[in-house]
Amino acid sequence: MAVLTMLNQVLVLFLLMAVGYALAKKGVIDKKGSDQMTTLLSYVVLPCAILYSFQMKFLSSMLRNFLIMCVITFGIHVFSILVSTMIFNKKFVPEDQKRCVLRFSSTYSNCGFMGFPLLESLGGEQWTVLWLSL
């Protein structure tokens, strides 16, 4: 059942992306409109989503899960940093600036907006709270 829920959410996200792509191709949304929507999402929608996800009763199990997620996240980041440092070294990427960008983008993902609805549908509010608090 969780797979169907996940597929449904991913389909909805892709449909929304397709609508945005079509609107941009038709010229309905230009660079200025895109920048304005990005600002709206960054400064209004995301903070509201964060505040909304924390509107729940506190349970002691949430604190335990949060601490477990902190340890797991720390381990994943350390692993990602080590692997990206080994892969993007001076031998393979001689330019310092490019190497730094590749290492950073390999370590830190940008899955916030697309991940929230998926987390909410699969794990409920608690998963979203755990994700947002890390």
N, C-alpha and C. Protein backbone atom coordinates (compact mmCIF):
# COMPACT_ATOMS: atom_id res chain seq x y z
N MET A 1 0.82 -1.20 0.00
CA MET A 1 0.00 0.00 0.00
C MET A 1 0.86 1.26 0.00
N ALA A 2 1.99 1.23 0.72
CA ALA A 2 2.87 2.39 0.77
C ALA A 2 3.47 2.69 -0.59
N VAL A 3 3.70 1.65 -1.37
CA VAL A 3 4.26 1.85 -2.71
C VAL A 3 3.27 2.59 -3.60
N LEU A 4 2.00 2.22 -3.51
CA LEU A 4 0.97 2.91 -4.29
C LEU A 4 0.85 4.37 -3.87
N THR A 5 0.90 4.62 -2.58
CA THR A 5 0.84 5.99 -2.09
C THR A 5 2.03 6.79 -2.61
N MET A 6 3.20 6.19 -2.55
CA MET A 6 4.40 6.87 -3.03
C MET A 6 4.31 7.14 -4.53
N LEU A 7 3.90 6.16 -5.30
CA LEU A 7 3.77 6.35 -6.74
C LEU A 7 2.75 7.43 -7.07
N ASN A 8 1.66 7.46 -6.33
CA ASN A 8 0.63 8.48 -6.53
C ASN A 8 1.20 9.87 -6.26
N GLN A 9 1.94 10.03 -5.18
CA GLN A 9 2.52 11.32 -4.84
C GLN A 9 3.56 11.75 -5.87
N VAL A 10 4.38 10.82 -6.31
CA VAL A 10 5.39 11.13 -7.33
C VAL A 10 4.70 11.53 -8.63
N LEU A 11 3.64 10.85 -9.00
CA LEU A 11 2.88 11.20 -10.20
C LEU A 11 2.32 12.61 -10.09
N VAL A 12 1.75 12.95 -8.96
CA VAL A 12 1.22 14.30 -8.75
C VAL A 12 2.33 15.33 -8.88
N LEU A 13 3.49 15.06 -8.29
CA LEU A 13 4.61 16.00 -8.39
C LEU A 13 5.06 16.16 -9.84
N PHE A 14 5.14 15.08 -10.58
CA PHE A 14 5.54 15.17 -11.98
C PHE A 14 4.51 15.91 -12.81
N LEU A 15 3.23 15.72 -12.51
CA LEU A 15 2.19 16.48 -13.22
C LEU A 15 2.33 17.98 -12.93
N LEU A 16 2.61 18.32 -11.68
CA LEU A 16 2.80 19.73 -11.36
C LEU A 16 4.03 20.30 -12.08
N MET A 17 5.10 19.52 -12.14
CA MET A 17 6.28 19.97 -12.87
C MET A 17 5.97 20.12 -14.37
N ALA A 18 5.18 19.21 -14.92
CA ALA A 18 4.82 19.29 -16.33
C ALA A 18 4.01 20.54 -16.62
N VAL A 19 3.10 20.87 -15.73
CA VAL A 19 2.31 22.10 -15.89
C VAL A 19 3.24 23.32 -15.86
N GLY A 20 4.16 23.36 -14.91
CA GLY A 20 5.12 24.46 -14.85
C GLY A 20 5.98 24.55 -16.09
N TYR A 21 6.43 23.41 -16.59
CA TYR A 21 7.24 23.38 -17.80
C TYR A 21 6.44 23.90 -18.99
N ALA A 22 5.20 23.43 -19.12
CA ALA A 22 4.35 23.86 -20.24
C ALA A 22 4.08 25.36 -20.16
N LEU A 23 3.80 25.87 -18.97
CA LEU A 23 3.56 27.31 -18.81
C LEU A 23 4.80 28.14 -19.16
N ALA A 24 5.97 27.63 -18.81
CA ALA A 24 7.21 28.33 -19.14
C ALA A 24 7.45 28.29 -20.65
N LYS A 25 7.21 27.15 -21.28
CA LYS A 25 7.40 27.03 -22.73
C LYS A 25 6.44 27.93 -23.51
N LYS A 26 5.22 28.08 -23.00
CA LYS A 26 4.22 28.93 -23.66
C LYS A 26 4.48 30.42 -23.41
N GLY A 27 5.37 30.72 -22.48
CA GLY A 27 5.68 32.12 -22.19
C GLY A 27 4.77 32.74 -21.13
N VAL A 28 3.92 31.92 -20.53
CA VAL A 28 3.04 32.43 -19.47
C VAL A 28 3.86 32.79 -18.23
N ILE A 29 4.87 32.01 -17.95
CA ILE A 29 5.78 32.27 -16.84
C ILE A 29 7.14 32.61 -17.43
N ASP A 30 7.64 33.79 -17.11
CA ASP A 30 8.97 34.18 -17.58
C ASP A 30 9.96 34.13 -16.43
N LYS A 31 11.17 34.58 -16.67
CA LYS A 31 12.24 34.54 -15.66
C LYS A 31 11.83 35.33 -14.42
N LYS A 32 11.23 36.49 -14.61
CA LYS A 32 10.82 37.32 -13.47
C LYS A 32 9.75 36.60 -12.64
N GLY A 33 8.77 35.99 -13.31
CA GLY A 33 7.72 35.26 -12.60
C GLY A 33 8.28 34.06 -11.86
N SER A 34 9.23 33.39 -12.49
CA SER A 34 9.87 32.25 -11.84
C SER A 34 10.63 32.69 -10.59
N ASP A 35 11.35 33.79 -10.70
CA ASP A 35 12.07 34.31 -9.53
C ASP A 35 11.11 34.71 -8.41
N GLN A 36 9.98 35.29 -8.78
CA GLN A 36 8.99 35.69 -7.78
C GLN A 36 8.39 34.47 -7.08
N MET A 37 8.11 33.42 -7.84
CA MET A 37 7.57 32.20 -7.23
C MET A 37 8.60 31.54 -6.32
N THR A 38 9.86 31.58 -6.72
CA THR A 38 10.92 31.03 -5.88
C THR A 38 11.01 31.78 -4.56
N THR A 39 10.91 33.11 -4.63
CA THR A 39 10.93 33.92 -3.42
C THR A 39 9.73 33.60 -2.54
N LEU A 40 8.56 33.47 -3.15
CA LEU A 40 7.34 33.14 -2.40
C LEU A 40 7.49 31.78 -1.70
N LEU A 41 8.00 30.79 -2.42
CA LEU A 41 8.19 29.47 -1.83
C LEU A 41 9.21 29.50 -0.69
N SER A 42 10.30 30.22 -0.90
CA SER A 42 11.38 30.25 0.09
C SER A 42 11.01 31.01 1.36
N TYR A 43 10.32 32.11 1.20
CA TYR A 43 10.08 32.99 2.34
C TYR A 43 8.69 32.89 2.95
N VAL A 44 7.75 32.24 2.26
CA VAL A 44 6.39 32.14 2.80
C VAL A 44 5.96 30.68 2.95
N VAL A 45 5.98 29.94 1.84
CA VAL A 45 5.42 28.58 1.85
C VAL A 45 6.25 27.64 2.73
N LEU A 46 7.56 27.62 2.55
CA LEU A 46 8.39 26.71 3.34
C LEU A 46 8.32 27.00 4.85
N PRO A 47 8.45 28.26 5.29
CA PRO A 47 8.29 28.50 6.74
C PRO A 47 6.90 28.09 7.25
N CYS A 48 5.86 28.33 6.46
CA CYS A 48 4.52 27.91 6.88
C CYS A 48 4.42 26.39 6.97
N ALA A 49 5.02 25.68 6.03
CA ALA A 49 5.01 24.22 6.07
C ALA A 49 5.76 23.70 7.30
N ILE A 50 6.86 24.37 7.64
CA ILE A 50 7.61 23.97 8.83
C ILE A 50 6.78 24.19 10.09
N LEU A 51 6.18 25.36 10.21
CA LEU A 51 5.34 25.65 11.39
C LEU A 51 4.16 24.69 11.46
N TYR A 52 3.53 24.41 10.33
CA TYR A 52 2.39 23.50 10.30
C TYR A 52 2.79 22.10 10.76
N SER A 53 3.94 21.64 10.34
CA SER A 53 4.34 20.27 10.68
C SER A 53 4.65 20.12 12.16
N PHE A 54 4.98 21.20 12.84
CA PHE A 54 5.28 21.12 14.27
C PHE A 54 4.03 21.29 15.14
N GLN A 55 2.87 21.44 14.55
CA GLN A 55 1.62 21.60 15.30
C GLN A 55 1.06 20.23 15.68
N MET A 56 1.70 19.60 16.64
CA MET A 56 1.25 18.28 17.08
C MET A 56 1.63 18.10 18.55
N LYS A 57 1.01 17.13 19.16
CA LYS A 57 1.31 16.83 20.55
C LYS A 57 2.69 16.18 20.65
N PHE A 58 3.48 16.63 21.62
CA PHE A 58 4.81 16.08 21.81
C PHE A 58 4.73 14.73 22.51
N LEU A 59 5.46 13.76 21.97
CA LEU A 59 5.55 12.44 22.57
C LEU A 59 7.02 12.14 22.84
N SER A 60 7.30 11.40 23.90
CA SER A 60 8.69 11.09 24.23
C SER A 60 9.35 10.24 23.13
N SER A 61 8.55 9.46 22.43
CA SER A 61 9.10 8.66 21.33
C SER A 61 9.61 9.55 20.20
N MET A 62 9.03 10.74 20.06
CA MET A 62 9.48 11.67 19.04
C MET A 62 10.90 12.14 19.33
N LEU A 63 11.21 12.39 20.59
CA LEU A 63 12.55 12.82 20.96
C LEU A 63 13.56 11.70 20.68
N ARG A 64 13.19 10.48 21.02
CA ARG A 64 14.06 9.33 20.75
C ARG A 64 14.29 9.18 19.26
N ASN A 65 13.23 9.25 18.47
CA ASN A 65 13.37 9.14 17.02
C ASN A 65 14.20 10.29 16.45
N PHE A 66 14.03 11.48 17.00
CA PHE A 66 14.81 12.63 16.56
C PHE A 66 16.30 12.40 16.81
N LEU A 67 16.65 11.89 17.98
CA LEU A 67 18.05 11.63 18.29
C LEU A 67 18.63 10.54 17.38
N ILE A 68 17.85 9.52 17.13
CA ILE A 68 18.29 8.46 16.21
C ILE A 68 18.53 9.04 14.82
N MET A 69 17.61 9.87 14.35
CA MET A 69 17.76 10.48 13.04
C MET A 69 18.98 11.40 12.98
N CYS A 70 19.28 12.10 14.08
CA CYS A 70 20.46 12.96 14.13
C CYS A 70 21.73 12.13 13.94
N VAL A 71 21.81 11.00 14.63
CA VAL A 71 22.99 10.14 14.52
C VAL A 71 23.10 9.58 13.09
N ILE A 72 21.99 9.11 12.54
CA ILE A 72 21.99 8.56 11.18
C ILE A 72 22.38 9.64 10.18
N THR A 73 21.80 10.82 10.32
CA THR A 73 22.10 11.91 9.40
C THR A 73 23.56 12.32 9.48
N PHE A 74 24.09 12.40 10.68
CA PHE A 74 25.50 12.73 10.86
C PHE A 74 26.38 11.69 10.16
N GLY A 75 26.06 10.42 10.35
CA GLY A 75 26.83 9.36 9.71
C GLY A 75 26.76 9.41 8.19
N ILE A 76 25.58 9.68 7.66
CA ILE A 76 25.41 9.78 6.21
C ILE A 76 26.23 10.94 5.66
N HIS A 77 26.21 12.07 6.36
CA HIS A 77 26.97 13.23 5.89
C HIS A 77 28.48 12.98 5.96
N VAL A 78 28.94 12.37 7.03
CA VAL A 78 30.37 12.06 7.12
C VAL A 78 30.77 11.12 5.98
N PHE A 79 29.96 10.09 5.75
CA PHE A 79 30.22 9.16 4.66
C PHE A 79 30.23 9.89 3.31
N SER A 80 29.23 10.75 3.08
CA SER A 80 29.15 11.48 1.81
C SER A 80 30.34 12.41 1.62
N ILE A 81 30.77 13.06 2.68
CA ILE A 81 31.92 13.95 2.59
C ILE A 81 33.17 13.14 2.24
N LEU A 82 33.36 12.01 2.90
CA LEU A 82 34.54 11.17 2.61
C LEU A 82 34.53 10.65 1.18
N VAL A 83 33.38 10.15 0.73
CA VAL A 83 33.30 9.61 -0.62
C VAL A 83 33.50 10.71 -1.67
N SER A 84 32.85 11.87 -1.48
CA SER A 84 33.00 12.94 -2.46
C SER A 84 34.43 13.49 -2.47
N THR A 85 35.10 13.48 -1.32
CA THR A 85 36.50 13.91 -1.27
C THR A 85 37.40 12.94 -2.03
N MET A 86 37.10 11.65 -1.92
CA MET A 86 37.90 10.66 -2.64
C MET A 86 37.62 10.71 -4.15
N ILE A 87 36.37 10.90 -4.53
CA ILE A 87 36.02 10.90 -5.95
C ILE A 87 36.49 12.18 -6.63
N PHE A 88 36.20 13.33 -6.01
CA PHE A 88 36.54 14.61 -6.63
C PHE A 88 37.83 15.15 -6.03
N ASN A 89 38.92 14.49 -6.36
CA ASN A 89 40.22 14.94 -5.88
C ASN A 89 40.94 15.72 -6.98
N LYS A 90 42.15 16.20 -6.67
CA LYS A 90 42.88 17.02 -7.63
C LYS A 90 43.24 16.27 -8.91
N LYS A 91 43.36 14.96 -8.81
CA LYS A 91 43.72 14.17 -9.97
C LYS A 91 42.61 14.18 -11.03
N PHE A 92 41.35 14.06 -10.58
CA PHE A 92 40.23 13.99 -11.50
C PHE A 92 39.61 15.35 -11.81
N VAL A 93 39.66 16.27 -10.86
CA VAL A 93 39.10 17.61 -11.06
C VAL A 93 40.16 18.62 -10.62
N PRO A 94 40.95 19.11 -11.56
CA PRO A 94 42.07 19.98 -11.18
C PRO A 94 41.66 21.37 -10.69
N GLU A 95 40.52 21.91 -11.14
CA GLU A 95 40.11 23.26 -10.73
C GLU A 95 39.53 23.23 -9.31
N ASP A 96 40.08 24.08 -8.44
CA ASP A 96 39.65 24.12 -7.03
C ASP A 96 38.17 24.47 -6.89
N GLN A 97 37.74 25.51 -7.60
CA GLN A 97 36.36 25.98 -7.45
C GLN A 97 35.36 24.91 -7.92
N LYS A 98 35.63 24.30 -9.04
CA LYS A 98 34.75 23.25 -9.55
C LYS A 98 34.72 22.05 -8.61
N ARG A 99 35.87 21.69 -8.07
CA ARG A 99 35.96 20.56 -7.15
C ARG A 99 35.12 20.82 -5.89
N CYS A 100 35.17 22.04 -5.37
CA CYS A 100 34.38 22.39 -4.18
C CYS A 100 32.89 22.28 -4.46
N VAL A 101 32.47 22.77 -5.61
CA VAL A 101 31.05 22.71 -5.97
C VAL A 101 30.60 21.25 -6.11
N LEU A 102 31.40 20.44 -6.75
CA LEU A 102 31.05 19.02 -6.92
C LEU A 102 30.97 18.29 -5.57
N ARG A 103 31.90 18.59 -4.69
CA ARG A 103 31.87 17.95 -3.36
C ARG A 103 30.63 18.38 -2.58
N PHE A 104 30.34 19.66 -2.61
CA PHE A 104 29.18 20.17 -1.87
C PHE A 104 27.89 19.58 -2.41
N SER A 105 27.73 19.60 -3.74
CA SER A 105 26.48 19.10 -4.32
C SER A 105 26.33 17.59 -4.17
N SER A 106 27.44 16.89 -3.99
CA SER A 106 27.37 15.45 -3.75
C SER A 106 26.99 15.13 -2.31
N THR A 107 27.28 16.05 -1.41
CA THR A 107 27.02 15.81 0.01
C THR A 107 25.63 16.27 0.44
N TYR A 108 25.21 17.44 -0.03
CA TYR A 108 23.95 18.02 0.43
C TYR A 108 22.93 18.02 -0.69
N SER A 109 21.81 17.34 -0.44
CA SER A 109 20.77 17.27 -1.47
C SER A 109 19.80 18.43 -1.32
N ASN A 110 18.99 18.61 -2.33
CA ASN A 110 17.96 19.64 -2.32
C ASN A 110 16.62 18.96 -2.62
N CYS A 111 16.13 18.24 -1.63
CA CYS A 111 14.90 17.48 -1.86
C CYS A 111 13.76 17.95 -0.96
N GLY A 112 13.85 19.18 -0.49
CA GLY A 112 12.86 19.68 0.46
C GLY A 112 11.45 19.73 -0.06
N PHE A 113 11.17 20.57 -1.04
CA PHE A 113 9.80 20.76 -1.48
C PHE A 113 9.19 19.49 -2.04
N MET A 114 9.95 18.72 -2.77
CA MET A 114 9.39 17.49 -3.34
C MET A 114 9.26 16.40 -2.29
N GLY A 115 10.08 16.46 -1.26
CA GLY A 115 10.06 15.41 -0.25
C GLY A 115 8.95 15.56 0.76
N PHE A 116 8.50 16.79 1.03
CA PHE A 116 7.49 17.01 2.07
C PHE A 116 6.19 16.26 1.81
N PRO A 117 5.57 16.40 0.64
CA PRO A 117 4.31 15.66 0.43
C PRO A 117 4.50 14.15 0.48
N LEU A 118 5.63 13.69 0.00
CA LEU A 118 5.90 12.25 0.01
C LEU A 118 6.06 11.75 1.45
N LEU A 119 6.81 12.47 2.26
CA LEU A 119 6.96 12.09 3.67
C LEU A 119 5.63 12.13 4.40
N GLU A 120 4.86 13.17 4.15
CA GLU A 120 3.57 13.32 4.82
C GLU A 120 2.64 12.16 4.47
N SER A 121 2.62 11.76 3.21
CA SER A 121 1.69 10.70 2.81
C SER A 121 2.16 9.32 3.28
N LEU A 122 3.47 9.12 3.36
CA LEU A 122 3.97 7.80 3.77
C LEU A 122 4.04 7.63 5.28
N GLY A 123 4.55 8.63 5.97
CA GLY A 123 4.77 8.45 7.40
C GLY A 123 3.98 9.36 8.31
N GLY A 124 3.20 10.24 7.72
CA GLY A 124 2.41 11.15 8.54
C GLY A 124 3.24 12.34 9.02
N GLU A 125 2.68 13.05 9.95
CA GLU A 125 3.30 14.28 10.44
C GLU A 125 4.63 14.02 11.13
N GLN A 126 4.75 12.89 11.80
CA GLN A 126 5.98 12.62 12.55
C GLN A 126 7.20 12.54 11.64
N TRP A 127 7.07 11.94 10.48
CA TRP A 127 8.20 11.85 9.55
C TRP A 127 8.58 13.23 9.05
N THR A 128 7.58 14.04 8.78
CA THR A 128 7.86 15.41 8.30
C THR A 128 8.56 16.20 9.38
N VAL A 129 8.14 16.07 10.61
CA VAL A 129 8.79 16.77 11.71
C VAL A 129 10.25 16.33 11.84
N LEU A 130 10.49 15.03 11.78
CA LEU A 130 11.85 14.53 11.86
C LEU A 130 12.71 15.09 10.73
N TRP A 131 12.17 15.10 9.52
CA TRP A 131 12.93 15.59 8.37
C TRP A 131 13.24 17.09 8.51
N LEU A 132 12.24 17.86 8.91
CA LEU A 132 12.43 19.31 9.02
C LEU A 132 13.36 19.69 10.14
N SER A 133 13.43 18.88 11.18
CA SER A 133 14.26 19.24 12.33
C SER A 133 15.72 18.87 12.13
N LEU A 134 16.05 18.20 11.04
CA LEU A 134 17.46 17.83 10.81
C LEU A 134 18.15 18.77 9.90
